[in-house]
Amino acid sequence: QVQLVESGGGLVQAGGSLRLSCAASGRTFSSYTMHWFRQAPGKEREFVAAMRWSGGSTYYADSVKGRFTMSRDNAKKTVYLQMNSLKPEDTAVYYCKLTRDDGLGDYWGQGTQVTVSS
């Protein structure tokens, strides 16, 4: 099993910044992709960013391009989401997700609340 634990959420004013962390523990796999998703009240969960753990390109939703940056620390088995120039519409619960590249499973964290006040 894989455990994912997000942290770093909180309340911030519009224009501010937060950095979310997602620490992975437990079983590891040879090839997988890490994602960030978010879900605002009354809305569907939506994709925010993704990166292959082995490296390569990082992908972002159009709504966060140029403001959010996803990164990783291999030694700590942790991915980060640096969020700058936050807007009230970024308010949501943010989740990290691990997807095995062999298609044999997805794992989700419990989520961390981000609230951006106007």
Protein backbone atom coordinates (compact mmCIF):
# COMPACT_ATOMS: atom_id res chain seq x y z
CA GLN A 1 0.00 0.00 0.00
CA VAL A 2 0.93 3.61 -0.53
CA GLN A 3 0.15 6.41 1.87
CA LEU A 4 0.04 10.01 0.70
CA VAL A 5 -0.12 12.85 3.20
CA GLU A 6 -0.70 16.42 2.08
CA SER A 7 0.14 19.47 4.14
CA GLY A 8 0.67 23.19 3.75
CA GLY A 9 -2.86 24.39 3.17
CA GLY A 10 -4.32 27.38 4.94
CA LEU A 11 -5.94 30.77 4.62
CA VAL A 12 -4.20 33.40 2.49
CA GLN A 13 -5.18 36.71 0.95
CA ALA A 14 -5.53 37.11 -2.79
CA GLY A 15 -2.14 37.63 -4.37
CA GLY A 16 -0.41 35.59 -1.70
CA SER A 17 1.45 32.30 -1.88
CA LEU A 18 1.31 28.85 -0.35
CA ARG A 19 3.39 25.71 -0.82
CA LEU A 20 1.69 22.38 -0.53
CA SER A 21 3.57 19.17 0.18
CA CYS A 22 2.63 15.57 -0.48
CA ALA A 23 4.76 12.95 1.24
CA ALA A 24 4.61 9.35 0.03
CA SER A 25 5.35 6.32 2.15
CA GLY A 26 4.86 2.59 2.01
CA ARG A 27 5.23 0.52 -1.12
CA THR A 28 7.11 2.04 -4.00
CA PHE A 29 6.86 1.33 -7.71
CA SER A 30 9.31 1.55 -10.55
CA SER A 31 7.28 3.96 -12.63
CA TYR A 32 4.51 6.28 -11.58
CA THR A 33 3.08 9.72 -12.04
CA MET A 34 2.22 12.21 -9.34
CA HIS A 35 -0.70 14.59 -9.71
CA TRP A 36 -2.33 17.46 -7.92
CA PHE A 37 -6.10 17.82 -8.13
CA ARG A 38 -8.48 20.18 -6.40
CA GLN A 39 -12.15 20.26 -5.57
CA ALA A 40 -14.09 23.40 -4.78
CA PRO A 41 -17.43 23.26 -2.94
CA GLY A 42 -20.18 22.06 -5.24
CA LYS A 43 -17.79 21.37 -8.12
CA GLU A 44 -16.16 18.36 -9.69
CA ARG A 45 -12.62 17.44 -8.75
CA GLU A 46 -10.31 18.94 -11.36
CA PHE A 47 -6.77 18.39 -12.54
CA VAL A 48 -4.16 20.92 -11.49
CA ALA A 49 -0.69 19.53 -12.32
CA ALA A 50 1.19 16.29 -12.98
CA MET A 51 4.72 15.01 -13.35
CA ARG A 52 6.40 11.68 -13.89
CA TRP A 53 8.40 10.72 -10.82
CA SER A 54 11.32 9.70 -13.06
CA GLY A 55 11.48 13.17 -14.57
CA GLY A 56 10.45 14.82 -17.79
CA SER A 57 7.76 17.36 -18.45
CA THR A 58 5.35 18.79 -15.96
CA TYR A 59 1.79 19.49 -17.04
CA TYR A 60 -0.52 22.18 -15.73
CA ALA A 61 -4.14 23.12 -16.07
CA ASP A 62 -4.56 26.32 -18.06
CA SER A 63 -6.09 28.00 -15.03
CA VAL A 64 -2.85 27.70 -13.03
CA LYS A 65 -0.16 27.99 -15.71
CA GLY A 66 2.39 30.63 -14.85
CA ARG A 67 1.25 30.77 -11.22
CA PHE A 68 1.72 27.23 -9.87
CA THR A 69 4.88 25.14 -10.00
CA MET A 70 5.10 21.43 -9.23
CA SER A 71 8.40 19.96 -8.07
CA ARG A 72 9.72 16.90 -6.28
CA ASP A 73 12.36 15.80 -3.80
CA ASN A 74 13.36 12.24 -4.57
CA ALA A 75 15.16 11.67 -1.29
CA LYS A 76 12.12 12.74 0.72
CA LYS A 77 9.61 11.04 -1.61
CA THR A 78 7.74 14.31 -1.58
CA VAL A 79 6.13 16.44 -4.26
CA TYR A 80 5.35 20.09 -3.86
CA LEU A 81 2.95 22.58 -5.35
CA GLN A 82 4.17 26.15 -5.11
CA MET A 83 1.17 28.40 -5.59
CA ASN A 84 1.76 32.08 -6.27
CA SER A 85 -0.57 34.95 -7.16
CA LEU A 86 -3.44 33.08 -5.56
CA LYS A 87 -6.99 34.03 -6.48
CA PRO A 88 -10.26 33.44 -4.63
CA GLU A 89 -11.20 30.93 -7.32
CA ASP A 90 -8.23 28.80 -6.24
CA THR A 91 -10.11 28.05 -3.02
CA ALA A 92 -10.53 24.27 -2.82
CA VAL A 93 -9.41 21.11 -1.13
CA TYR A 94 -6.17 20.07 -2.82
CA TYR A 95 -5.38 16.40 -3.23
CA CYS A 96 -2.31 14.58 -4.43
CA LYS A 97 -2.61 11.36 -6.36
CA LEU A 98 -0.16 8.65 -7.35
CA THR A 99 -0.92 6.72 -10.52
CA ARG A 100 1.01 3.61 -11.37
CA ASP A 101 2.19 3.82 -14.94
CA ASP A 102 1.37 0.11 -15.42
CA GLY A 103 -2.30 0.98 -14.90
CA LEU A 104 -2.67 -1.17 -11.81
CA GLY A 105 -3.71 1.42 -9.29
CA ASP A 106 -4.29 4.94 -8.08
CA TYR A 107 -3.73 6.27 -4.58
CA TRP A 108 -5.11 9.48 -3.11
CA GLY A 109 -4.16 11.61 -0.16
CA GLN A 110 -6.70 12.95 2.32
CA GLY A 111 -6.53 16.51 0.99
CA THR A 112 -5.57 19.88 2.40
CA GLN A 113 -7.80 22.96 2.44
CA VAL A 114 -6.69 26.12 0.66
CA THR A 115 -8.80 29.22 1.19
CA VAL A 116 -8.03 32.46 -0.63
CA SER A 117 -9.80 35.56 0.64
CA SER A 118 -10.53 38.55 -1.57
